[in-house]
Structures are given as structure tokens and as C-alpha cells.
């Protein structure tokens, strides 16, 4: 009996060692590219140029130019998130009701733009929206007045919605496909019409996907600076642009890190909300 137990224990030990070895590359990646950069951000954000502890870098968010950029970023990202939710929910609902082969094809169509470089997608919209761009050229050919969209908040919202819409569709689609059709059929059998079934059955069961989608759209929209740089020009500065300029132009890593810590608070709040409403991971893409 002892020999058998030892063999089993040895087998489990070997499996454990193999799993540890397989996870080593990921642990190295996480330490090198996640943990160490985060520690650097906190170090620079909570110290001054002499290395002394200070909260001045974090408190700098209260400065007029910083708070204005933060509130503008919050407003535009919130509007973009709402628009993405309004557009994505019907699409995800339609996708979830298709046959399996149709689902795969339609989902692929929405994922295809994500395979293209993020910068190239945004540059394409810059070409479309600029004053002498494709859109105004078509309007001019039709004898219609030109649209002055580029370098406006509307252009930034359009860029956010286009780039982040798939991140809203996929969690919603994933949550809706997990709803048991028998539950919906039972609601119809009990006399519920389409609106009642949606409000009392479908939408409540898809809340994890809604929360996950909101998180996946709101967080990158809040922290983006590429979209506002290209589609907003130098006229509109979001908090992401302010942080990027502090690092690349002003060379003030302490202030840039302090403002980044403020953004991390919003990210953590989103993560907490996601864990509360999606404990089982029903809205996750995978």
C-alpha cells in the first residue's frame, strides 16, 4: 500500500512541477510587463524629483487644466459607452438567435476590423472626416453643404464608438447565448409578450454581459489619447493626452504617474462593479 501511495504522490508531484514549468513564461511576462511597470508608476507618482514621498502629483488632478481634461474624458467616454450599448445590444441579440453557422460568420464580420492596426483604423476615419476628405468630397459632388466634423468632440466620439464597439458586442453576445431557450419559451407559455419577456427575462439575465461590455468600452475610452490626437487635433485635450504629454514632451514622469494613479481608481471601480455583477464570468468573451 505504501508503494502505491508513494507512486501516486510522485505522479501528482510531477504533474505539479510540469504545471509550474508551463506557467513560468506567463509569470515572467506578468512580472516584467505588468507588475514592474505598475510599481514604477506608483513610485514616480508618489515621490518628487528628490525621491521624497508626496501626494502633490496625485492632487494635481485638481488643477483647472487637469480637471477639465478629466471631466471631458469622462463625458465623452460615457457618451461613447452608451452609444455602443444601444448599438451593440440589438446586434448581439440578433446574433444569438441565428443558427450556429450563421453566428460564426456574422461574429467574424464584427471581429475582422479588430485585426487591423488600431492606429490605421483611426487614421482612416481622419481621412474620411477631414475638410477635404472623402465624406465632404461626396457631399460636394452631390451639391450638399460640407460637414465640419474633424477636430470636434463628435469626431472623437465617432472614433471611440467605431474602435470599441466590438468590445461591447462580444460580451453581450456571449451572455445572451448562455440564456437557456427553455426559459424564454416558459415566459411565452405563461403569457408574457415580447416586451415583457425582454424586460423581465432576457435583459436581467444578460446583465453580466452588459457590465462586462461597459467596462471593456469605458476604460479604454477614458484612457485613450490616440483617437483624440488624430480626430480631435490639438484643440481637444483629454486626460490621456495630458498624461502622454507629461511623459513624452515635458519629461515629468512624476506628474504623469500621479495623474495615471487617478485613472487607476476609475479602472479599479469598474473592476469591482464587474466582479459584483458578473461573479461567474458569464459576460467574459472567452
Protein backbone atom coordinates (compact mmCIF):
# COMPACT_ATOMS: atom_id res chain seq x y z
CA UNK A 1 0.00 0.00 0.00
CA UNK A 2 2.83 2.42 0.82
CA UNK A 3 4.48 1.82 -2.53
CA UNK A 4 1.25 2.56 -4.38
CA UNK A 5 0.68 5.73 -2.36
CA UNK A 6 4.24 6.88 -2.99
CA UNK A 7 3.82 6.32 -6.72
CA UNK A 8 0.59 8.31 -6.75
CA UNK A 9 2.13 11.09 -4.70
CA UNK A 10 5.11 11.13 -7.01
CA UNK A 11 2.81 11.32 -10.01
CA UNK A 12 0.92 14.27 -8.58
CA UNK A 13 4.23 15.94 -7.74
CA UNK A 14 5.43 15.52 -11.31
CA UNK A 15 2.20 16.99 -12.68
CA UNK A 16 2.50 19.92 -10.30
CA UNK A 17 6.08 20.56 -11.41
CA UNK A 18 5.04 20.41 -15.08
CA UNK A 19 2.25 22.92 -14.48
CA UNK A 20 4.66 25.22 -12.66
CA UNK A 21 7.11 24.96 -15.54
CA UNK A 22 4.38 25.72 -18.09
CA UNK A 23 3.22 28.78 -16.12
CA UNK A 24 6.77 30.15 -15.78
CA UNK A 25 6.73 32.13 -19.08
CA UNK A 26 3.44 33.79 -18.13
CA UNK A 27 4.75 34.63 -14.64
CA UNK A 28 7.87 36.15 -16.18
CA UNK A 29 5.74 38.17 -18.61
CA UNK A 30 3.42 39.35 -15.81
CA UNK A 31 6.30 40.41 -13.58
CA UNK A 32 8.29 42.11 -16.36
CA UNK A 33 5.49 43.90 -18.18
CA UNK A 34 2.71 44.33 -15.59
CA UNK A 35 3.97 44.31 -12.01
CA UNK A 36 7.26 46.18 -12.52
CA UNK A 37 5.68 48.97 -14.67
CA UNK A 38 2.90 49.38 -12.09
CA UNK A 39 5.45 49.64 -9.29
CA UNK A 40 7.32 52.27 -11.31
CA UNK A 41 4.13 54.27 -11.81
CA UNK A 42 3.38 54.22 -8.09
CA UNK A 43 6.98 55.10 -7.24
CA UNK A 44 7.13 58.11 -9.57
CA UNK A 45 3.56 59.17 -8.79
CA UNK A 46 4.10 59.22 -5.02
CA UNK A 47 7.54 60.84 -4.98
CA UNK A 48 9.06 64.13 -6.09
CA UNK A 49 12.27 64.70 -8.06
CA UNK A 50 14.32 64.25 -4.89
CA UNK A 51 12.72 60.87 -4.16
CA UNK A 52 10.75 62.16 -1.15
CA UNK A 53 7.20 60.91 -0.59
CA UNK A 54 4.48 63.33 -1.74
CA UNK A 55 0.84 63.37 -2.79
CA UNK A 56 1.25 66.55 -4.83
CA UNK A 57 1.37 64.63 -8.11
CA UNK A 58 -1.96 62.94 -7.41
CA UNK A 59 -3.51 66.15 -6.05
CA UNK A 60 -2.53 67.90 -9.30
CA UNK A 61 -5.69 66.43 -10.83
CA UNK A 62 -7.48 69.33 -9.08
CA UNK A 63 -5.69 71.89 -11.29
CA UNK A 64 -8.08 73.56 -13.70
CA UNK A 65 -6.46 72.23 -16.88
CA UNK A 66 -6.22 68.69 -15.49
CA UNK A 67 -9.73 68.52 -14.04
CA UNK A 68 -11.17 69.95 -17.26
CA UNK A 69 -9.41 67.24 -19.28
CA UNK A 70 -10.58 64.55 -16.83
CA UNK A 71 -14.24 65.63 -16.88
CA UNK A 72 -14.19 65.96 -20.67
CA UNK A 73 -12.71 62.45 -20.97
CA UNK A 74 -15.33 61.10 -18.56
CA UNK A 75 -18.14 62.75 -20.51
CA UNK A 76 -17.01 61.60 -23.95
CA UNK A 77 -16.23 58.06 -22.78
CA UNK A 78 -19.61 57.82 -21.04
CA UNK A 79 -21.45 59.01 -24.16
CA UNK A 80 -19.44 56.59 -26.32
CA UNK A 81 -20.20 53.72 -23.94
CA UNK A 82 -23.94 54.45 -24.01
CA UNK A 83 -23.95 54.66 -27.82
CA UNK A 84 -22.02 51.38 -28.04
CA UNK A 85 -24.53 49.71 -25.71
CA UNK A 86 -27.51 50.99 -27.71
CA UNK A 87 -25.97 49.77 -30.98
CA UNK A 88 -24.50 46.53 -29.69
CA UNK A 89 -27.42 45.07 -27.75
CA UNK A 90 -29.79 44.61 -30.72
CA UNK A 91 -26.91 43.26 -32.82
CA UNK A 92 -25.87 40.79 -30.13
CA UNK A 93 -29.50 39.75 -29.64
CA UNK A 94 -29.90 39.09 -33.36
CA UNK A 95 -26.62 37.17 -33.48
CA UNK A 96 -27.59 34.98 -30.54
CA UNK A 97 -30.80 33.95 -32.30
CA UNK A 98 -29.10 32.86 -35.53
CA UNK A 99 -28.05 29.32 -36.38
CA UNK A 100 -24.58 28.23 -35.30
CA UNK A 101 -23.02 28.55 -38.77
CA UNK A 102 -24.60 31.97 -39.27
CA UNK A 103 -23.42 33.08 -35.82
CA UNK A 104 -19.82 32.19 -36.61
CA UNK A 105 -19.88 34.08 -39.90
CA UNK A 106 -21.54 37.21 -38.51
CA UNK A 107 -19.32 37.31 -35.44
CA UNK A 108 -16.30 37.05 -37.75
CA UNK A 109 -17.51 40.13 -39.63
CA UNK A 110 -17.52 42.17 -36.42
CA UNK A 111 -14.14 40.82 -35.31
CA UNK A 112 -12.40 41.45 -38.66
CA UNK A 113 -11.85 45.21 -38.07
CA UNK A 114 -10.05 44.37 -34.82
CA UNK A 115 -7.41 42.51 -36.85
CA UNK A 116 -6.39 45.81 -38.46
CA UNK A 117 -3.98 48.07 -36.59
CA UNK A 118 -5.73 50.44 -34.17
CA UNK A 119 -3.77 53.43 -35.47
CA UNK A 120 -4.59 52.64 -39.10
CA UNK A 121 -8.31 52.39 -38.32
CA UNK A 122 -8.25 55.80 -36.67
CA UNK A 123 -6.20 57.33 -39.49
CA UNK A 124 -8.80 56.02 -41.94
CA UNK A 125 -11.51 57.98 -40.11
CA UNK A 126 -9.28 61.06 -40.18
CA UNK A 127 -9.09 60.72 -43.97
CA UNK A 128 -12.86 60.30 -44.18
CA UNK A 129 -13.79 63.22 -41.91
CA UNK A 130 -11.24 65.93 -42.71
CA UNK A 131 -12.43 69.06 -44.54
CA UNK A 132 -11.13 67.86 -47.89
CA UNK A 133 -11.74 64.22 -47.09
CA UNK A 134 -13.85 61.53 -48.69
CA UNK A 135 -17.09 62.44 -46.90
CA UNK A 136 -17.02 66.13 -47.83
CA UNK A 137 -15.93 65.28 -51.37
CA UNK A 138 -19.03 63.09 -51.79
CA UNK A 139 -21.25 65.80 -50.28
CA UNK A 140 -19.73 68.40 -52.57
CA UNK A 141 -20.31 66.16 -55.59
CA UNK A 142 -23.99 65.83 -54.58
CA UNK A 143 -24.30 69.59 -54.10
CA UNK A 144 -24.74 69.33 -50.34
CA UNK A 145 -23.02 71.52 -47.73
CA UNK A 146 -19.79 70.25 -46.22
CA UNK A 147 -19.69 68.90 -42.67
CA UNK A 148 -17.15 70.27 -40.21
CA UNK A 149 -16.74 67.18 -38.03
CA UNK A 150 -12.99 66.79 -37.71
CA UNK A 151 -11.36 68.29 -34.59
CA UNK A 152 -14.63 68.24 -32.66
CA UNK A 153 -15.89 66.15 -29.72
CA UNK A 154 -18.27 64.47 -32.16
CA UNK A 155 -15.35 63.12 -34.20
CA UNK A 156 -13.73 61.73 -31.05
CA UNK A 157 -16.97 60.01 -30.03
CA UNK A 158 -17.31 58.57 -33.53
CA UNK A 159 -13.76 57.21 -33.35
CA UNK A 160 -14.36 55.71 -29.91
CA UNK A 161 -17.61 54.04 -30.96
CA UNK A 162 -16.07 52.59 -34.11
CA UNK A 163 -12.95 51.24 -32.38
CA UNK A 164 -14.59 49.92 -29.21
CA UNK A 165 -17.98 48.69 -30.48
CA UNK A 166 -16.74 45.07 -30.93
CA UNK A 167 -15.71 45.05 -27.26
CA UNK A 168 -19.34 45.70 -26.37
CA UNK A 169 -20.84 43.25 -28.85
CA UNK A 170 -18.78 40.20 -27.86
CA UNK A 171 -19.57 40.15 -24.09
CA UNK A 172 -23.26 40.79 -24.80
CA UNK A 173 -23.33 38.06 -27.42
CA UNK A 174 -21.59 35.65 -25.06
CA UNK A 175 -24.06 36.37 -22.24
CA UNK A 176 -27.12 36.11 -24.50
CA UNK A 177 -26.05 32.77 -26.00
CA UNK A 178 -25.85 31.32 -22.46
CA UNK A 179 -29.54 32.03 -21.79
CA UNK A 180 -31.50 28.78 -21.88
CA UNK A 181 -34.14 28.98 -24.67
CA UNK A 182 -36.50 26.99 -22.44
CA UNK A 183 -36.59 29.91 -20.00
CA UNK A 184 -37.73 32.23 -22.80
CA UNK A 185 -40.26 29.67 -24.02
CA UNK A 186 -41.59 29.30 -20.48
CA UNK A 187 -42.12 33.06 -20.30
CA UNK A 188 -44.15 32.94 -23.53
CA UNK A 189 -46.15 29.96 -22.26
CA UNK A 190 -47.03 31.94 -19.14
CA UNK A 191 -48.49 34.72 -21.28
CA UNK A 192 -45.61 37.19 -21.48
CA UNK A 193 -45.39 39.18 -24.70
CA UNK A 194 -42.14 40.12 -26.42
CA UNK A 195 -41.57 43.31 -24.43
CA UNK A 196 -42.32 41.64 -21.10
CA UNK A 197 -40.06 38.70 -21.93
CA UNK A 198 -37.23 41.03 -22.79
CA UNK A 199 -37.64 43.29 -19.74
CA UNK A 200 -38.18 40.52 -17.17
CA UNK A 201 -36.20 37.60 -18.56
CA UNK A 202 -33.70 38.37 -21.32
CA UNK A 203 -32.27 41.69 -20.12
CA UNK A 204 -31.87 40.71 -16.43
CA UNK A 205 -30.08 37.50 -17.46
CA UNK A 206 -27.76 39.47 -19.76
CA UNK A 207 -26.70 41.98 -17.07
CA UNK A 208 -23.26 40.29 -16.66
CA UNK A 209 -22.58 40.86 -20.35
CA UNK A 210 -23.80 44.46 -20.12
CA UNK A 211 -21.49 45.22 -17.18
CA UNK A 212 -18.56 43.47 -18.83
CA UNK A 213 -19.16 45.33 -22.10
CA UNK A 214 -19.42 48.68 -20.33
CA UNK A 215 -16.12 48.02 -18.58
CA UNK A 216 -14.36 46.93 -21.78
CA UNK A 217 -15.51 50.09 -23.60
CA UNK A 218 -15.45 52.73 -20.85
CA UNK A 219 -11.93 52.02 -19.57
CA UNK A 220 -10.06 52.26 -22.92
CA UNK A 221 -12.25 55.20 -23.99
CA UNK A 222 -11.37 57.04 -20.77
CA UNK A 223 -7.63 56.46 -21.11
CA UNK A 224 -7.23 56.88 -24.88
CA UNK A 225 -5.08 59.61 -26.37
CA UNK A 226 -4.54 58.39 -29.94
CA UNK A 227 -8.16 58.95 -31.01
CA UNK A 228 -8.30 62.45 -29.53
CA UNK A 229 -4.91 63.29 -31.05
CA UNK A 230 -5.91 62.27 -34.58
CA UNK A 231 -9.61 63.16 -34.65
CA UNK A 232 -9.63 65.98 -32.12
CA UNK A 233 -6.42 67.67 -33.13
CA UNK A 234 -4.61 69.86 -30.64
CA UNK A 235 -7.83 71.69 -29.82
CA UNK A 236 -9.31 68.99 -27.56
CA UNK A 237 -7.20 67.53 -24.77
CA UNK A 238 -8.43 64.55 -22.76
CA UNK A 239 -6.74 63.34 -19.59
CA UNK A 240 -4.98 60.67 -21.64
CA UNK A 241 -3.42 63.39 -23.81
CA UNK A 242 -2.28 65.33 -20.73
CA UNK A 243 -0.59 62.23 -19.28
CA UNK A 244 1.01 61.35 -22.62
CA UNK A 245 2.41 64.89 -22.96
CA UNK A 246 3.82 64.83 -19.44
CA UNK A 247 5.77 61.67 -20.28
CA UNK A 248 6.85 62.39 -23.86
CA UNK A 249 7.08 66.18 -24.12
CA UNK A 250 7.52 67.66 -20.64
CA UNK A 251 9.53 64.70 -19.35
CA UNK A 252 7.75 64.98 -15.99
CA UNK A 253 7.31 61.31 -15.10
CA UNK A 254 6.28 62.18 -11.55
CA UNK A 255 3.27 64.28 -12.57
CA UNK A 256 2.33 61.90 -15.38
CA UNK A 257 2.44 58.95 -13.00
CA UNK A 258 0.41 60.82 -10.38
CA UNK A 259 -2.35 61.54 -12.91
CA UNK A 260 -2.19 57.91 -14.05
CA UNK A 261 -2.85 56.77 -10.48
CA UNK A 262 -6.07 58.82 -10.53
CA UNK A 263 -7.18 56.98 -13.68
CA UNK A 264 -6.37 53.67 -12.00
CA UNK A 265 -9.00 54.50 -9.38
CA UNK A 266 -11.69 54.59 -12.08
CA UNK A 267 -10.36 51.33 -13.53
CA UNK A 268 -10.49 49.65 -10.12
CA UNK A 269 -14.07 50.85 -9.58
CA UNK A 270 -15.03 49.30 -12.93
CA UNK A 271 -13.33 46.04 -11.98
CA UNK A 272 -15.17 45.93 -8.65
CA UNK A 273 -18.52 46.51 -10.38
CA UNK A 274 -17.72 43.76 -12.89
CA UNK A 275 -16.91 41.30 -10.09
CA UNK A 276 -20.13 42.19 -8.26
CA UNK A 277 -22.46 41.76 -11.24
CA UNK A 278 -20.52 39.05 -13.10
CA UNK A 279 -19.23 36.72 -10.39
CA UNK A 280 -19.38 33.64 -12.62
CA UNK A 281 -17.73 35.28 -15.63
CA UNK A 282 -20.83 34.90 -17.80
CA UNK A 283 -20.08 38.09 -19.69
CA UNK A 284 -16.48 37.30 -20.49
CA UNK A 285 -15.54 36.84 -24.11
CA UNK A 286 -13.69 33.56 -23.61
